[in-house]
Amino acid sequence: MRDDGGVRVLNRGFSAKENSWKEAEGKAYFVKGSDQGYLKVSFFGPFYGSYIVFELDHENYQYSLVCGPDKSYLWILAKGLKIKKDIKDIKDTLIAKAAALGLDTNKLIFVDHD
């Protein structure tokens, strides 16, 4: 959490092509209330985009299913490199939920972290 009531957002990924880690830090604010997964997020100054959380691991915060302002953006986010094997059905469940919401899951790109 941020001191101003917002949420610190840190996106990090590894570029195999460049053999380096990249990260972007942003800030997010709840649009309606902190009990709803609807936030506005900014990584670039005064410009904000929607960040709608459809599913979240409330127990361990290991994964989430998020879409942008429309159905053209979809992310399955995981805290670690892979969603833990003991919950291997989670990935399929998240994909099924996204499809049921009308999101095009055929365009999902899964990064190989090996």
N, C-alpha and C. Protein backbone atom coordinates (compact mmCIF):
# COMPACT_ATOMS: atom_id res chain seq x y z
N MET A 1 0.84 -1.18 0.00
CA MET A 1 0.00 0.00 0.00
C MET A 1 0.89 1.25 0.00
N ARG A 2 0.37 2.28 -0.62
CA ARG A 2 1.08 3.57 -0.64
C ARG A 2 0.53 4.47 0.47
N ASP A 3 1.31 5.44 0.87
CA ASP A 3 0.89 6.37 1.92
C ASP A 3 -0.33 7.20 1.52
N ASP A 4 -0.53 7.38 0.20
CA ASP A 4 -1.66 8.20 -0.27
C ASP A 4 -2.94 7.40 -0.48
N GLY A 5 -2.97 6.14 0.01
CA GLY A 5 -4.16 5.31 -0.12
C GLY A 5 -4.17 4.45 -1.37
N GLY A 6 -3.19 4.62 -2.21
CA GLY A 6 -3.09 3.81 -3.43
C GLY A 6 -2.33 2.52 -3.19
N VAL A 7 -2.08 1.83 -4.27
CA VAL A 7 -1.38 0.55 -4.24
C VAL A 7 -0.13 0.67 -5.12
N ARG A 8 0.99 0.23 -4.61
CA ARG A 8 2.23 0.18 -5.42
C ARG A 8 2.13 -1.01 -6.36
N VAL A 9 2.41 -0.79 -7.62
CA VAL A 9 2.35 -1.85 -8.63
C VAL A 9 3.75 -2.04 -9.20
N LEU A 10 4.23 -3.27 -9.19
CA LEU A 10 5.54 -3.56 -9.75
C LEU A 10 5.40 -4.71 -10.73
N ASN A 11 5.61 -4.42 -12.00
CA ASN A 11 5.60 -5.44 -13.04
C ASN A 11 7.04 -5.74 -13.41
N ARG A 12 7.38 -7.02 -13.42
CA ARG A 12 8.75 -7.42 -13.70
C ARG A 12 8.72 -8.61 -14.65
N GLY A 13 9.64 -8.60 -15.60
CA GLY A 13 9.73 -9.71 -16.54
C GLY A 13 11.15 -9.85 -17.06
N PHE A 14 11.45 -11.02 -17.55
CA PHE A 14 12.79 -11.31 -18.07
C PHE A 14 12.73 -11.37 -19.58
N SER A 15 13.60 -10.64 -20.24
CA SER A 15 13.72 -10.67 -21.68
C SER A 15 14.84 -11.64 -22.06
N ALA A 16 14.46 -12.80 -22.59
CA ALA A 16 15.47 -13.77 -23.01
C ALA A 16 16.29 -13.22 -24.17
N LYS A 17 15.65 -12.45 -25.02
CA LYS A 17 16.34 -11.88 -26.18
C LYS A 17 17.47 -10.95 -25.73
N GLU A 18 17.20 -10.14 -24.71
CA GLU A 18 18.21 -9.20 -24.21
C GLU A 18 18.96 -9.73 -23.00
N ASN A 19 18.56 -10.92 -22.51
CA ASN A 19 19.18 -11.55 -21.35
C ASN A 19 19.23 -10.59 -20.15
N SER A 20 18.08 -9.94 -19.91
CA SER A 20 18.03 -9.00 -18.80
C SER A 20 16.61 -8.89 -18.24
N TRP A 21 16.54 -8.47 -16.98
CA TRP A 21 15.27 -8.22 -16.33
C TRP A 21 14.83 -6.80 -16.64
N LYS A 22 13.53 -6.62 -16.79
CA LYS A 22 12.96 -5.28 -16.96
C LYS A 22 11.83 -5.15 -15.95
N GLU A 23 11.66 -3.94 -15.46
CA GLU A 23 10.56 -3.73 -14.54
C GLU A 23 10.01 -2.33 -14.70
N ALA A 24 8.76 -2.20 -14.35
CA ALA A 24 8.08 -0.92 -14.37
C ALA A 24 7.30 -0.78 -13.07
N GLU A 25 7.49 0.35 -12.41
CA GLU A 25 6.76 0.59 -11.18
C GLU A 25 5.68 1.62 -11.46
N GLY A 26 4.50 1.34 -10.96
CA GLY A 26 3.39 2.24 -11.15
C GLY A 26 2.61 2.41 -9.87
N LYS A 27 1.50 3.10 -10.00
CA LYS A 27 0.62 3.31 -8.85
C LYS A 27 -0.81 3.05 -9.30
N ALA A 28 -1.60 2.56 -8.37
CA ALA A 28 -3.00 2.25 -8.66
C ALA A 28 -3.88 2.81 -7.55
N TYR A 29 -5.09 3.16 -7.94
CA TYR A 29 -6.07 3.67 -6.99
C TYR A 29 -7.40 2.97 -7.22
N PHE A 30 -8.09 2.64 -6.16
CA PHE A 30 -9.38 2.01 -6.27
C PHE A 30 -10.39 2.99 -6.86
N VAL A 31 -11.17 2.53 -7.83
CA VAL A 31 -12.14 3.39 -8.49
C VAL A 31 -13.40 3.52 -7.64
N LYS A 32 -13.89 2.41 -7.10
CA LYS A 32 -15.14 2.44 -6.34
C LYS A 32 -14.94 2.21 -4.85
N GLY A 33 -14.04 1.35 -4.48
CA GLY A 33 -13.78 1.06 -3.08
C GLY A 33 -12.74 -0.02 -2.97
N SER A 34 -12.07 -0.08 -1.83
CA SER A 34 -10.98 -1.04 -1.66
C SER A 34 -11.46 -2.48 -1.56
N ASP A 35 -12.77 -2.70 -1.52
CA ASP A 35 -13.31 -4.05 -1.49
C ASP A 35 -13.68 -4.56 -2.88
N GLN A 36 -13.38 -3.76 -3.92
CA GLN A 36 -13.66 -4.15 -5.30
C GLN A 36 -12.38 -4.12 -6.12
N GLY A 37 -12.20 -5.11 -6.95
CA GLY A 37 -11.00 -5.21 -7.78
C GLY A 37 -11.08 -4.37 -9.04
N TYR A 38 -11.44 -3.12 -8.89
CA TYR A 38 -11.52 -2.21 -10.03
C TYR A 38 -10.63 -1.02 -9.71
N LEU A 39 -9.50 -0.95 -10.41
CA LEU A 39 -8.52 0.09 -10.13
C LEU A 39 -8.16 0.86 -11.38
N LYS A 40 -7.63 2.04 -11.18
CA LYS A 40 -7.01 2.78 -12.27
C LYS A 40 -5.52 2.75 -11.99
N VAL A 41 -4.73 2.42 -13.02
CA VAL A 41 -3.30 2.21 -12.84
C VAL A 41 -2.52 3.13 -13.77
N SER A 42 -1.43 3.66 -13.26
CA SER A 42 -0.58 4.52 -14.07
C SER A 42 0.87 4.09 -13.95
N PHE A 43 1.52 3.96 -15.09
CA PHE A 43 2.96 3.73 -15.14
C PHE A 43 3.66 4.94 -15.76
N PHE A 44 2.88 5.82 -16.36
CA PHE A 44 3.44 6.94 -17.11
C PHE A 44 2.74 8.25 -16.74
N GLY A 45 3.13 8.83 -15.64
CA GLY A 45 2.63 10.14 -15.25
C GLY A 45 1.12 10.22 -15.04
N PRO A 46 0.48 11.18 -15.68
CA PRO A 46 -0.94 11.40 -15.40
C PRO A 46 -1.88 10.49 -16.18
N PHE A 47 -1.36 9.55 -16.93
CA PHE A 47 -2.20 8.69 -17.76
C PHE A 47 -2.55 7.41 -17.02
N TYR A 48 -3.85 7.10 -16.93
CA TYR A 48 -4.32 5.94 -16.19
C TYR A 48 -5.08 5.00 -17.12
N GLY A 49 -5.00 3.71 -16.80
CA GLY A 49 -5.76 2.70 -17.52
C GLY A 49 -6.48 1.82 -16.51
N SER A 50 -7.54 1.20 -16.97
CA SER A 50 -8.32 0.32 -16.09
C SER A 50 -7.58 -0.98 -15.82
N TYR A 51 -7.81 -1.50 -14.65
CA TYR A 51 -7.20 -2.74 -14.19
C TYR A 51 -8.30 -3.44 -13.41
N ILE A 52 -8.94 -4.41 -14.04
CA ILE A 52 -10.10 -5.06 -13.43
C ILE A 52 -9.73 -6.48 -13.04
N VAL A 53 -9.79 -6.77 -11.75
CA VAL A 53 -9.40 -8.07 -11.21
C VAL A 53 -10.65 -8.95 -11.14
N PHE A 54 -10.65 -10.04 -11.90
CA PHE A 54 -11.77 -10.96 -11.92
C PHE A 54 -11.59 -12.13 -10.96
N GLU A 55 -10.34 -12.46 -10.71
CA GLU A 55 -10.04 -13.60 -9.83
C GLU A 55 -8.74 -13.30 -9.11
N LEU A 56 -8.69 -13.70 -7.85
CA LEU A 56 -7.51 -13.43 -7.03
C LEU A 56 -7.36 -14.53 -6.00
N ASP A 57 -6.14 -14.95 -5.79
CA ASP A 57 -5.83 -15.90 -4.72
C ASP A 57 -5.82 -15.11 -3.41
N HIS A 58 -6.96 -15.06 -2.74
CA HIS A 58 -7.09 -14.28 -1.50
C HIS A 58 -6.27 -14.85 -0.36
N GLU A 59 -5.95 -16.12 -0.43
CA GLU A 59 -5.23 -16.77 0.67
C GLU A 59 -3.73 -16.47 0.65
N ASN A 60 -3.10 -16.67 -0.51
CA ASN A 60 -1.65 -16.55 -0.60
C ASN A 60 -1.16 -15.48 -1.59
N TYR A 61 -2.09 -14.87 -2.32
CA TYR A 61 -1.76 -13.86 -3.33
C TYR A 61 -0.72 -14.36 -4.33
N GLN A 62 -0.93 -15.58 -4.83
CA GLN A 62 0.00 -16.18 -5.79
C GLN A 62 -0.41 -15.95 -7.24
N TYR A 63 -1.66 -15.64 -7.52
CA TYR A 63 -2.12 -15.46 -8.90
C TYR A 63 -3.32 -14.53 -8.94
N SER A 64 -3.56 -14.01 -10.16
CA SER A 64 -4.77 -13.21 -10.40
C SER A 64 -5.11 -13.26 -11.88
N LEU A 65 -6.36 -12.97 -12.16
CA LEU A 65 -6.86 -12.86 -13.53
C LEU A 65 -7.32 -11.43 -13.69
N VAL A 66 -6.72 -10.71 -14.66
CA VAL A 66 -6.94 -9.28 -14.79
C VAL A 66 -7.20 -8.92 -16.25
N CYS A 67 -8.11 -7.97 -16.46
CA CYS A 67 -8.28 -7.45 -17.82
C CYS A 67 -8.20 -5.94 -17.77
N GLY A 68 -8.04 -5.35 -18.94
CA GLY A 68 -7.94 -3.91 -19.06
C GLY A 68 -9.30 -3.26 -19.24
N PRO A 69 -9.33 -2.08 -19.84
CA PRO A 69 -10.58 -1.33 -19.96
C PRO A 69 -11.61 -1.97 -20.89
N ASP A 70 -11.15 -2.82 -21.75
CA ASP A 70 -12.07 -3.56 -22.62
C ASP A 70 -11.59 -5.00 -22.71
N LYS A 71 -12.18 -5.76 -23.55
CA LYS A 71 -11.84 -7.19 -23.61
C LYS A 71 -10.63 -7.49 -24.48
N SER A 72 -9.87 -6.47 -24.86
CA SER A 72 -8.70 -6.71 -25.70
C SER A 72 -7.42 -6.94 -24.89
N TYR A 73 -7.48 -6.73 -23.58
CA TYR A 73 -6.32 -6.96 -22.71
C TYR A 73 -6.69 -7.99 -21.66
N LEU A 74 -5.82 -8.97 -21.49
CA LEU A 74 -6.05 -10.03 -20.51
C LEU A 74 -4.70 -10.53 -20.00
N TRP A 75 -4.60 -10.65 -18.67
CA TRP A 75 -3.38 -11.17 -18.08
C TRP A 75 -3.72 -12.21 -17.02
N ILE A 76 -2.95 -13.28 -17.01
CA ILE A 76 -2.93 -14.18 -15.87
C ILE A 76 -1.59 -13.89 -15.21
N LEU A 77 -1.66 -13.34 -14.02
CA LEU A 77 -0.45 -12.92 -13.32
C LEU A 77 -0.12 -13.90 -12.21
N ALA A 78 1.13 -14.22 -12.06
CA ALA A 78 1.57 -15.13 -11.00
C ALA A 78 2.72 -14.47 -10.25
N LYS A 79 2.75 -14.68 -8.97
CA LYS A 79 3.79 -14.08 -8.14
C LYS A 79 5.15 -14.74 -8.39
N GLY A 80 5.15 -16.04 -8.62
CA GLY A 80 6.38 -16.76 -8.90
C GLY A 80 6.51 -17.00 -10.40
N LEU A 81 7.51 -17.77 -10.76
CA LEU A 81 7.71 -18.07 -12.18
C LEU A 81 6.60 -18.93 -12.76
N LYS A 82 6.03 -19.77 -11.91
CA LYS A 82 4.95 -20.65 -12.36
C LYS A 82 3.90 -20.73 -11.27
N ILE A 83 2.67 -20.98 -11.69
CA ILE A 83 1.64 -21.25 -10.69
C ILE A 83 1.98 -22.60 -10.09
N LYS A 84 2.00 -22.66 -8.78
CA LYS A 84 2.44 -23.87 -8.08
C LYS A 84 1.74 -25.13 -8.59
N LYS A 85 2.50 -26.21 -8.67
CA LYS A 85 1.99 -27.46 -9.19
C LYS A 85 0.87 -28.04 -8.34
N ASP A 86 0.85 -27.74 -7.04
CA ASP A 86 -0.21 -28.29 -6.20
C ASP A 86 -1.57 -27.67 -6.51
N ILE A 87 -1.56 -26.59 -7.28
CA ILE A 87 -2.82 -26.00 -7.74
C ILE A 87 -2.81 -25.93 -9.27
N LYS A 88 -2.36 -27.02 -9.90
CA LYS A 88 -2.18 -27.03 -11.36
C LYS A 88 -3.47 -26.76 -12.11
N ASP A 89 -4.61 -27.02 -11.50
CA ASP A 89 -5.88 -26.77 -12.18
C ASP A 89 -6.21 -25.28 -12.24
N ILE A 90 -5.52 -24.46 -11.49
CA ILE A 90 -5.80 -23.04 -11.43
C ILE A 90 -5.68 -22.39 -12.81
N LYS A 91 -4.62 -22.69 -13.53
CA LYS A 91 -4.42 -22.08 -14.85
C LYS A 91 -5.60 -22.39 -15.76
N ASP A 92 -6.03 -23.64 -15.81
CA ASP A 92 -7.17 -24.02 -16.64
C ASP A 92 -8.45 -23.35 -16.16
N THR A 93 -8.61 -23.24 -14.84
CA THR A 93 -9.79 -22.59 -14.27
C THR A 93 -9.82 -21.11 -14.64
N LEU A 94 -8.67 -20.44 -14.57
CA LEU A 94 -8.60 -19.03 -14.92
C LEU A 94 -8.88 -18.81 -16.40
N ILE A 95 -8.36 -19.67 -17.25
CA ILE A 95 -8.62 -19.56 -18.68
C ILE A 95 -10.10 -19.78 -18.96
N ALA A 96 -10.71 -20.76 -18.32
CA ALA A 96 -12.14 -21.03 -18.52
C ALA A 96 -12.97 -19.84 -18.05
N LYS A 97 -12.61 -19.24 -16.93
CA LYS A 97 -13.36 -18.08 -16.42
C LYS A 97 -13.25 -16.91 -17.39
N ALA A 98 -12.05 -16.67 -17.91
CA ALA A 98 -11.86 -15.58 -18.87
C ALA A 98 -12.70 -15.82 -20.12
N ALA A 99 -12.71 -17.05 -20.61
CA ALA A 99 -13.51 -17.37 -21.80
C ALA A 99 -14.99 -17.15 -21.52
N ALA A 100 -15.45 -17.55 -20.34
CA ALA A 100 -16.86 -17.37 -19.98
C ALA A 100 -17.23 -15.89 -19.89
N LEU A 101 -16.27 -15.04 -19.60
CA LEU A 101 -16.50 -13.59 -19.54
C LEU A 101 -16.43 -12.93 -20.92
N GLY A 102 -16.16 -13.74 -21.95
CA GLY A 102 -16.11 -13.23 -23.31
C GLY A 102 -14.75 -12.75 -23.77
N LEU A 103 -13.71 -13.07 -23.02
CA LEU A 103 -12.36 -12.67 -23.41
C LEU A 103 -11.76 -13.72 -24.34
N ASP A 104 -10.98 -13.28 -25.31
CA ASP A 104 -10.38 -14.19 -26.29
C ASP A 104 -9.13 -14.84 -25.70
N THR A 105 -9.30 -16.02 -25.17
CA THR A 105 -8.18 -16.73 -24.53
C THR A 105 -7.22 -17.35 -25.54
N ASN A 106 -7.60 -17.39 -26.80
CA ASN A 106 -6.71 -17.94 -27.83
C ASN A 106 -5.49 -17.05 -28.07
N LYS A 107 -5.58 -15.80 -27.64
CA LYS A 107 -4.46 -14.88 -27.84
C LYS A 107 -3.51 -14.83 -26.65
N LEU A 108 -3.79 -15.61 -25.62
CA LEU A 108 -2.89 -15.64 -24.46
C LEU A 108 -1.53 -16.17 -24.87
N ILE A 109 -0.49 -15.55 -24.36
CA ILE A 109 0.88 -15.98 -24.61
C ILE A 109 1.45 -16.41 -23.27
N PHE A 110 1.91 -17.65 -23.18
CA PHE A 110 2.49 -18.15 -21.95
C PHE A 110 4.01 -18.16 -22.09
N VAL A 111 4.66 -17.48 -21.18
CA VAL A 111 6.11 -17.34 -21.21
C VAL A 111 6.75 -18.58 -20.61
N ASP A 112 7.75 -19.10 -21.29
CA ASP A 112 8.52 -20.23 -20.78
C ASP A 112 9.63 -19.70 -19.89
N HIS A 113 9.61 -20.06 -18.63
CA HIS A 113 10.60 -19.55 -17.69
C HIS A 113 11.75 -20.52 -17.43
N ASP A 114 11.82 -21.58 -18.20
CA ASP A 114 12.89 -22.56 -17.99
C ASP A 114 14.20 -22.08 -18.57
